[in-house]
């Protein structure tokens, strides 16, 4: 199991569930946008990821990697307008 004291992750699934239980079930959920504002997210997915903290901020510090660890992901919708 991941040691929360030294973890690079903000939440585990259990912690997120407990946090979400505090709010009304019909409350919308969004994630931060690319630069400013907020976006909807796609259905949660499970993917294997790798931590790459030296990436530029626009690439994110986590990348998909089939040899990585499993992570629960709320992926923001991308708009192309």
PDB file of N, CA and C in Angstrom:
ATOM      1  N   UNK A   1       0.833  -1.185   0.000  1.00  0.00           N
ATOM      2  CA  UNK A   1       0.000   0.000   0.000  1.00  0.00           C
ATOM      3  C   UNK A   1       0.883   1.255   0.000  1.00  0.00           C
ATOM      4  N   UNK A   2       0.379   2.338  -0.516  1.00  0.00           N
ATOM      5  CA  UNK A   2       1.139   3.585  -0.620  1.00  0.00           C
ATOM      6  C   UNK A   2       1.208   4.275   0.736  1.00  0.00           C
ATOM      7  N   UNK A   3       2.403   4.694   1.136  1.00  0.00           N
ATOM      8  CA  UNK A   3       2.612   5.432   2.378  1.00  0.00           C
ATOM      9  C   UNK A   3       2.137   6.866   2.175  1.00  0.00           C
ATOM     10  N   UNK A   4       1.039   7.250   2.846  1.00  0.00           N
ATOM     11  CA  UNK A   4       0.438   8.569   2.651  1.00  0.00           C
ATOM     12  C   UNK A   4       1.392   9.698   3.026  1.00  0.00           C
ATOM     13  N   UNK A   5       2.273   9.491   3.986  1.00  0.00           N
ATOM     14  CA  UNK A   5       3.192  10.549   4.412  1.00  0.00           C
ATOM     15  C   UNK A   5       4.136  10.971   3.293  1.00  0.00           C
ATOM     16  N   UNK A   6       4.592  10.022   2.496  1.00  0.00           N
ATOM     17  CA  UNK A   6       5.545  10.351   1.445  1.00  0.00           C
ATOM     18  C   UNK A   6       4.938  10.224   0.055  1.00  0.00           C
ATOM     19  N   UNK A   7       3.625  10.118  -0.006  1.00  0.00           N
ATOM     20  CA  UNK A   7       2.950   9.892  -1.279  1.00  0.00           C
ATOM     21  C   UNK A   7       2.975  11.122  -2.183  1.00  0.00           C
ATOM     22  N   UNK A   8       3.004  10.878  -3.474  1.00  0.00           N
ATOM     23  CA  UNK A   8       2.918  11.951  -4.464  1.00  0.00           C
ATOM     24  C   UNK A   8       1.479  12.150  -4.915  1.00  0.00           C
ATOM     25  N   UNK A   9       0.557  11.354  -4.355  1.00  0.00           N
ATOM     26  CA  UNK A   9      -0.848  11.420  -4.741  1.00  0.00           C
ATOM     27  C   UNK A   9      -1.653  12.189  -3.700  1.00  0.00           C
ATOM     28  N   UNK A  10      -2.690  12.908  -4.140  1.00  0.00           N
ATOM     29  CA  UNK A  10      -3.530  13.674  -3.228  1.00  0.00           C
ATOM     30  C   UNK A  10      -4.560  12.807  -2.526  1.00  0.00           C
ATOM     31  N   UNK A  11      -5.102  11.814  -3.210  1.00  0.00           N
ATOM     32  CA  UNK A  11      -6.155  10.971  -2.671  1.00  0.00           C
ATOM     33  C   UNK A  11      -5.969   9.518  -3.072  1.00  0.00           C
ATOM     34  N   UNK A  12      -6.437   8.636  -2.210  1.00  0.00           N
ATOM     35  CA  UNK A  12      -6.661   7.253  -2.604  1.00  0.00           C
ATOM     36  C   UNK A  12      -8.144   7.152  -2.946  1.00  0.00           C
ATOM     37  N   UNK A  13      -8.572   6.060  -3.549  1.00  0.00           N
ATOM     38  CA  UNK A  13      -9.987   5.882  -3.883  1.00  0.00           C
ATOM     39  C   UNK A  13     -10.834   5.955  -2.618  1.00  0.00           C
ATOM     40  N   UNK A  14     -10.413   5.277  -1.543  1.00  0.00           N
ATOM     41  CA  UNK A  14     -11.172   5.296  -0.296  1.00  0.00           C
ATOM     42  C   UNK A  14     -11.314   6.698   0.274  1.00  0.00           C
ATOM     43  N   UNK A  15     -10.236   7.471   0.232  1.00  0.00           N
ATOM     44  CA  UNK A  15     -10.282   8.838   0.739  1.00  0.00           C
ATOM     45  C   UNK A  15     -11.208   9.706  -0.100  1.00  0.00           C
ATOM     46  N   UNK A  16     -11.175   9.537  -1.423  1.00  0.00           N
ATOM     47  CA  UNK A  16     -12.045  10.314  -2.303  1.00  0.00           C
ATOM     48  C   UNK A  16     -13.506   9.959  -2.057  1.00  0.00           C
ATOM     49  N   UNK A  17     -13.805   8.673  -1.909  1.00  0.00           N
ATOM     50  CA  UNK A  17     -15.182   8.249  -1.614  1.00  0.00           C
ATOM     51  C   UNK A  17     -15.658   8.893  -0.319  1.00  0.00           C
ATOM     52  N   UNK A  18     -14.839   8.833   0.720  1.00  0.00           N
ATOM     53  CA  UNK A  18     -15.228   9.429   2.004  1.00  0.00           C
ATOM     54  C   UNK A  18     -15.444  10.933   1.873  1.00  0.00           C
ATOM     55  N   UNK A  19     -14.601  11.603   1.105  1.00  0.00           N
ATOM     56  CA  UNK A  19     -14.755  13.040   0.888  1.00  0.00           C
ATOM     57  C   UNK A  19     -16.045  13.324   0.125  1.00  0.00           C
ATOM     58  N   UNK A  20     -16.309  12.550  -0.934  1.00  0.00           N
ATOM     59  CA  UNK A  20     -17.503  12.781  -1.746  1.00  0.00           C
ATOM     60  C   UNK A  20     -18.790  12.496  -0.990  1.00  0.00           C
ATOM     61  N   UNK A  21     -18.759  11.635   0.012  1.00  0.00           N
ATOM     62  CA  UNK A  21     -19.948  11.332   0.816  1.00  0.00           C
ATOM     63  C   UNK A  21     -20.450  12.545   1.594  1.00  0.00           C
ATOM     64  N   UNK A  22     -19.625  13.571   1.752  1.00  0.00           N
ATOM     65  CA  UNK A  22     -19.986  14.768   2.510  1.00  0.00           C
ATOM     66  C   UNK A  22     -20.898  15.704   1.724  1.00  0.00           C
ATOM     67  N   UNK A  23     -21.057  15.447   0.424  1.00  0.00           N
ATOM     68  CA  UNK A  23     -21.769  16.375  -0.440  1.00  0.00           C
ATOM     69  C   UNK A  23     -23.030  15.730  -1.011  1.00  0.00           C
ATOM     70  N   UNK A  24     -23.975  16.564  -1.481  1.00  0.00           N
ATOM     71  CA  UNK A  24     -25.193  16.014  -2.084  1.00  0.00           C
ATOM     72  C   UNK A  24     -24.865  15.139  -3.295  1.00  0.00           C
ATOM     73  N   UNK A  25     -25.628  14.063  -3.453  1.00  0.00           N
ATOM     74  CA  UNK A  25     -25.359  13.122  -4.551  1.00  0.00           C
ATOM     75  C   UNK A  25     -25.595  13.721  -5.926  1.00  0.00           C
ATOM     76  N   UNK A  26     -26.371  14.795  -6.022  1.00  0.00           N
ATOM     77  CA  UNK A  26     -26.643  15.391  -7.334  1.00  0.00           C
ATOM     78  C   UNK A  26     -25.749  16.598  -7.631  1.00  0.00           C
ATOM     79  N   UNK A  27     -24.725  16.843  -6.789  1.00  0.00           N
ATOM     80  CA  UNK A  27     -23.805  17.964  -7.017  1.00  0.00           C
ATOM     81  C   UNK A  27     -22.893  17.647  -8.194  1.00  0.00           C
ATOM     82  N   UNK A  28     -22.718  18.588  -9.159  1.00  0.00           N
ATOM     83  CA  UNK A  28     -21.817  18.352 -10.289  1.00  0.00           C
ATOM     84  C   UNK A  28     -20.368  18.196  -9.839  1.00  0.00           C
ATOM     85  N   UNK A  29     -19.575  17.487 -10.629  1.00  0.00           N
ATOM     86  CA  UNK A  29     -18.145  17.317 -10.380  1.00  0.00           C
ATOM     87  C   UNK A  29     -17.398  17.775 -11.623  1.00  0.00           C
ATOM     88  N   UNK A  30     -16.398  18.643 -11.437  1.00  0.00           N
ATOM     89  CA  UNK A  30     -15.586  19.146 -12.546  1.00  0.00           C
ATOM     90  C   UNK A  30     -14.117  19.070 -12.144  1.00  0.00           C
ATOM     91  N   UNK A  31     -13.223  19.276 -13.118  1.00  0.00           N
ATOM     92  CA  UNK A  31     -11.784  19.321 -12.852  1.00  0.00           C
ATOM     93  C   UNK A  31     -11.218  20.601 -13.448  1.00  0.00           C
ATOM     94  N   UNK A  32     -10.013  20.960 -13.045  1.00  0.00           N
ATOM     95  CA  UNK A  32      -9.409  22.188 -13.551  1.00  0.00           C
ATOM     96  C   UNK A  32      -9.178  22.103 -15.050  1.00  0.00           C
ATOM     97  N   UNK A  33      -9.280  23.261 -15.716  1.00  0.00           N
ATOM     98  CA  UNK A  33      -9.078  23.338 -17.155  1.00  0.00           C
ATOM     99  C   UNK A  33      -7.608  23.427 -17.516  1.00  0.00           C
ATOM    100  N   UNK A  34      -7.340  23.538 -18.788  1.00  0.00           N
ATOM    101  CA  UNK A  34      -5.950  23.570 -19.279  1.00  0.00           C
ATOM    102  C   UNK A  34      -5.172  24.750 -18.713  1.00  0.00           C
ATOM    103  N   UNK A  35      -5.721  25.952 -18.818  1.00  0.00           N
ATOM    104  CA  UNK A  35      -5.027  27.118 -18.275  1.00  0.00           C
ATOM    105  C   UNK A  35      -5.832  27.745 -17.149  1.00  0.00           C
ATOM    106  N   UNK A  36      -7.057  28.169 -17.424  1.00  0.00           N
ATOM    107  CA  UNK A  36      -7.906  28.746 -16.383  1.00  0.00           C
ATOM    108  C   UNK A  36      -9.268  28.099 -16.453  1.00  0.00           C
ATOM    109  N   UNK A  37     -10.083  28.338 -15.479  1.00  0.00           N
ATOM    110  CA  UNK A  37     -11.436  27.801 -15.470  1.00  0.00           C
ATOM    111  C   UNK A  37     -11.468  26.327 -15.126  1.00  0.00           C
ATOM    112  N   UNK A  38     -12.604  25.713 -15.377  1.00  0.00           N
ATOM    113  CA  UNK A  38     -12.834  24.319 -14.993  1.00  0.00           C
ATOM    114  C   UNK A  38     -13.545  23.595 -16.113  1.00  0.00           C
ATOM    115  N   UNK A  39     -13.441  22.273 -16.133  1.00  0.00           N
ATOM    116  CA  UNK A  39     -14.016  21.446 -17.182  1.00  0.00           C
ATOM    117  C   UNK A  39     -14.775  20.270 -16.577  1.00  0.00           C
ATOM    118  N   UNK A  40     -15.665  19.685 -17.384  1.00  0.00           N
ATOM    119  CA  UNK A  40     -16.250  18.408 -17.021  1.00  0.00           C
ATOM    120  C   UNK A  40     -15.184  17.343 -17.170  1.00  0.00           C
ATOM    121  N   UNK A  41     -15.419  16.161 -16.610  1.00  0.00           N
ATOM    122  CA  UNK A  41     -14.480  15.073 -16.827  1.00  0.00           C
ATOM    123  C   UNK A  41     -15.214  13.869 -17.373  1.00  0.00           C
ATOM    124  N   UNK A  42     -14.457  13.017 -18.061  1.00  0.00           N
ATOM    125  CA  UNK A  42     -15.010  11.793 -18.598  1.00  0.00           C
ATOM    126  C   UNK A  42     -15.270  10.825 -17.459  1.00  0.00           C
ATOM    127  N   UNK A  43     -15.928   9.721 -17.745  1.00  0.00           N
ATOM    128  CA  UNK A  43     -16.137   8.707 -16.726  1.00  0.00           C
ATOM    129  C   UNK A  43     -14.789   8.307 -16.134  1.00  0.00           C
ATOM    130  N   UNK A  44     -14.728   8.097 -14.821  1.00  0.00           N
ATOM    131  CA  UNK A  44     -13.451   7.685 -14.219  1.00  0.00           C
ATOM    132  C   UNK A  44     -12.911   6.422 -14.885  1.00  0.00           C
ATOM    133  N   UNK A  45     -11.612   6.363 -15.039  1.00  0.00           N
ATOM    134  CA  UNK A  45     -10.975   5.208 -15.665  1.00  0.00           C
ATOM    135  C   UNK A  45      -9.804   4.746 -14.808  1.00  0.00           C
ATOM    136  N   UNK A  46      -9.416   3.522 -14.999  1.00  0.00           N
ATOM    137  CA  UNK A  46      -8.248   2.963 -14.324  1.00  0.00           C
ATOM    138  C   UNK A  46      -7.172   2.780 -15.378  1.00  0.00           C
ATOM    139  N   UNK A  47      -5.999   3.357 -15.133  1.00  0.00           N
ATOM    140  CA  UNK A  47      -4.883   3.246 -16.074  1.00  0.00           C
ATOM    141  C   UNK A  47      -3.594   3.021 -15.309  1.00  0.00           C
ATOM    142  N   UNK A  48      -2.610   2.501 -15.993  1.00  0.00           N
ATOM    143  CA  UNK A  48      -1.271   2.368 -15.424  1.00  0.00           C
ATOM    144  C   UNK A  48      -0.505   3.652 -15.741  1.00  0.00           C
ATOM    145  N   UNK A  49       0.127   4.217 -14.718  1.00  0.00           N
ATOM    146  CA  UNK A  49       0.846   5.480 -14.882  1.00  0.00           C
ATOM    147  C   UNK A  49       2.244   5.393 -14.288  1.00  0.00           C
ATOM    148  N   UNK A  50       3.074   6.355 -14.692  1.00  0.00           N
ATOM    149  CA  UNK A  50       4.427   6.495 -14.153  1.00  0.00           C
ATOM    150  C   UNK A  50       4.619   7.952 -13.745  1.00  0.00           C
ATOM    151  N   UNK A  51       5.307   8.190 -12.634  1.00  0.00           N
ATOM    152  CA  UNK A  51       5.574   9.541 -12.142  1.00  0.00           C
ATOM    153  C   UNK A  51       6.818  10.081 -12.834  1.00  0.00           C
ATOM    154  N   UNK A  52       6.678  11.225 -13.500  1.00  0.00           N
ATOM    155  CA  UNK A  52       7.795  11.879 -14.188  1.00  0.00           C
ATOM    156  C   UNK A  52       7.781  13.357 -13.767  1.00  0.00           C
ATOM    157  N   UNK A  53       8.292  13.664 -12.567  1.00  0.00           N
ATOM    158  CA  UNK A  53       8.174  15.025 -12.036  1.00  0.00           C
ATOM    159  C   UNK A  53       8.931  16.082 -12.833  1.00  0.00           C
ATOM    160  N   UNK A  54       9.888  15.679 -13.636  1.00  0.00           N
ATOM    161  CA  UNK A  54      10.657  16.664 -14.406  1.00  0.00           C
ATOM    162  C   UNK A  54       9.935  17.139 -15.666  1.00  0.00           C
ATOM    163  N   UNK A  55       8.781  16.559 -16.003  1.00  0.00           N
ATOM    164  CA  UNK A  55       8.004  17.015 -17.165  1.00  0.00           C
ATOM    165  C   UNK A  55       7.629  18.485 -17.020  1.00  0.00           C
ATOM    166  N   UNK A  56       7.459  19.159 -18.136  1.00  0.00           N
ATOM    167  CA  UNK A  56       6.957  20.528 -18.111  1.00  0.00           C
ATOM    168  C   UNK A  56       5.526  20.494 -17.576  1.00  0.00           C
ATOM    169  N   UNK A  57       5.084  21.559 -16.951  1.00  0.00           N
ATOM    170  CA  UNK A  57       3.781  21.569 -16.283  1.00  0.00           C
ATOM    171  C   UNK A  57       2.631  21.242 -17.225  1.00  0.00           C
ATOM    172  N   UNK A  58       2.726  21.604 -18.508  1.00  0.00           N
ATOM    173  CA  UNK A  58       1.616  21.332 -19.424  1.00  0.00           C
ATOM    174  C   UNK A  58       1.525  19.858 -19.804  1.00  0.00           C
ATOM    175  N   UNK A  59       2.580  19.094 -19.559  1.00  0.00           N
ATOM    176  CA  UNK A  59       2.543  17.662 -19.827  1.00  0.00           C
ATOM    177  C   UNK A  59       2.102  16.853 -18.611  1.00  0.00           C
ATOM    178  N   UNK A  60       2.022  17.480 -17.463  1.00  0.00           N
ATOM    179  CA  UNK A  60       1.640  16.772 -16.246  1.00  0.00           C
ATOM    180  C   UNK A  60       2.786  15.937 -15.701  1.00  0.00           C
ATOM    181  N   UNK A  61       2.764  15.696 -14.394  1.00  0.00           N
ATOM    182  CA  UNK A  61       3.852  14.931 -13.788  1.00  0.00           C
ATOM    183  C   UNK A  61       3.613  13.432 -13.829  1.00  0.00           C
ATOM    184  N   UNK A  62       2.472  12.986 -14.354  1.00  0.00           N
ATOM    185  CA  UNK A  62       2.177  11.561 -14.506  1.00  0.00           C
ATOM    186  C   UNK A  62       1.863  11.271 -15.966  1.00  0.00           C
ATOM    187  N   UNK A  63       2.373  10.161 -16.473  1.00  0.00           N
ATOM    188  CA  UNK A  63       2.148   9.759 -17.860  1.00  0.00           C
ATOM    189  C   UNK A  63       1.702   8.300 -17.891  1.00  0.00           C
ATOM    190  N   UNK A  64       0.921   7.954 -18.908  1.00  0.00           N
ATOM    191  CA  UNK A  64       0.486   6.566 -19.082  1.00  0.00           C
ATOM    192  C   UNK A  64       1.701   5.703 -19.375  1.00  0.00           C
ATOM    193  N   UNK A  65       1.786   4.568 -18.684  1.00  0.00           N
ATOM    194  CA  UNK A  65       2.897   3.640 -18.860  1.00  0.00           C
ATOM    195  C   UNK A  65       2.406   2.243 -18.486  1.00  0.00           C
ATOM    196  N   UNK A  66       2.359   1.349 -19.444  1.00  0.00           N
ATOM    197  CA  UNK A  66       1.849  -0.008 -19.208  1.00  0.00           C
ATOM    198  C   UNK A  66       2.634  -0.762 -18.139  1.00  0.00           C
ATOM    199  N   UNK A  67       3.849  -0.313 -17.824  1.00  0.00           N
ATOM    200  CA  UNK A  67       4.651  -0.943 -16.772  1.00  0.00           C
ATOM    201  C   UNK A  67       4.554  -0.185 -15.446  1.00  0.00           C
ATOM    202  N   UNK A  68       3.684   0.824 -15.391  1.00  0.00           N
ATOM    203  CA  UNK A  68       3.557   1.647 -14.199  1.00  0.00           C
ATOM    204  C   UNK A  68       2.622   1.038 -13.167  1.00  0.00           C
ATOM    205  N   UNK A  69       2.108   1.909 -12.291  1.00  0.00           N
ATOM    206  CA  UNK A  69       1.191   1.471 -11.248  1.00  0.00           C
ATOM    207  C   UNK A  69      -0.236   1.869 -11.623  1.00  0.00           C
ATOM    208  N   UNK A  70      -1.227   1.149 -11.092  1.00  0.00           N
ATOM    209  CA  UNK A  70      -2.623   1.473 -11.358  1.00  0.00           C
ATOM    210  C   UNK A  70      -3.008   2.762 -10.656  1.00  0.00           C
ATOM    211  N   UNK A  71      -3.795   3.600 -11.339  1.00  0.00           N
ATOM    212  CA  UNK A  71      -4.303   4.835 -10.745  1.00  0.00           C
ATOM    213  C   UNK A  71      -5.721   5.076 -11.243  1.00  0.00           C
ATOM    214  N   UNK A  72      -6.571   5.595 -10.383  1.00  0.00           N
ATOM    215  CA  UNK A  72      -7.937   5.984 -10.687  1.00  0.00           C
ATOM    216  C   UNK A  72      -7.870   7.393 -11.249  1.00  0.00           C
ATOM    217  N   UNK A  73      -8.369   7.614 -12.466  1.00  0.00           N
ATOM    218  CA  UNK A  73      -8.173   8.892 -13.144  1.00  0.00           C
ATOM    219  C   UNK A  73      -9.500   9.562 -13.474  1.00  0.00           C
ATOM    220  N   UNK A  74      -9.610  10.829 -13.108  1.00  0.00           N
ATOM    221  CA  UNK A  74     -10.703  11.694 -13.559  1.00  0.00           C
ATOM    222  C   UNK A  74     -10.086  12.553 -14.645  1.00  0.00           C
ATOM    223  N   UNK A  75     -10.308  12.199 -15.873  1.00  0.00           N
ATOM    224  CA  UNK A  75      -9.684  12.898 -17.008  1.00  0.00           C
ATOM    225  C   UNK A  75     -10.592  13.995 -17.510  1.00  0.00           C
ATOM    226  N   UNK A  76     -10.057  15.208 -17.601  1.00  0.00           N
ATOM    227  CA  UNK A  76     -10.879  16.337 -18.049  1.00  0.00           C
ATOM    228  C   UNK A  76     -11.209  16.220 -19.523  1.00  0.00           C
ATOM    229  N   UNK A  77     -12.386  16.715 -19.874  1.00  0.00           N
ATOM    230  CA  UNK A  77     -12.764  16.739 -21.279  1.00  0.00           C
ATOM    231  C   UNK A  77     -11.882  17.745 -22.011  1.00  0.00           C
ATOM    232  N   UNK A  78     -11.518  17.414 -23.221  1.00  0.00           N
ATOM    233  CA  UNK A  78     -10.736  18.347 -24.041  1.00  0.00           C
ATOM    234  C   UNK A  78     -11.661  18.986 -25.066  1.00  0.00           C
ATOM    235  N   UNK A  79     -11.572  20.274 -25.154  1.00  0.00           N
ATOM    236  CA  UNK A  79     -12.384  20.994 -26.149  1.00  0.00           C
ATOM    237  C   UNK A  79     -11.465  21.480 -27.249  1.00  0.00           C
ATOM    238  N   UNK A  80     -11.945  21.463 -28.444  1.00  0.00           N
ATOM    239  CA  UNK A  80     -11.137  21.896 -29.598  1.00  0.00           C
ATOM    240  C   UNK A  80     -11.872  22.978 -30.365  1.00  0.00           C
ATOM    241  N   UNK A  81     -12.260  24.058 -29.649  1.00  0.00           N
ATOM    242  CA  UNK A  81     -12.967  25.142 -30.316  1.00  0.00           C
ATOM    243  C   UNK A  81     -12.186  26.424 -30.318  1.00  0.00           C
TER     244      UNK A  81
END
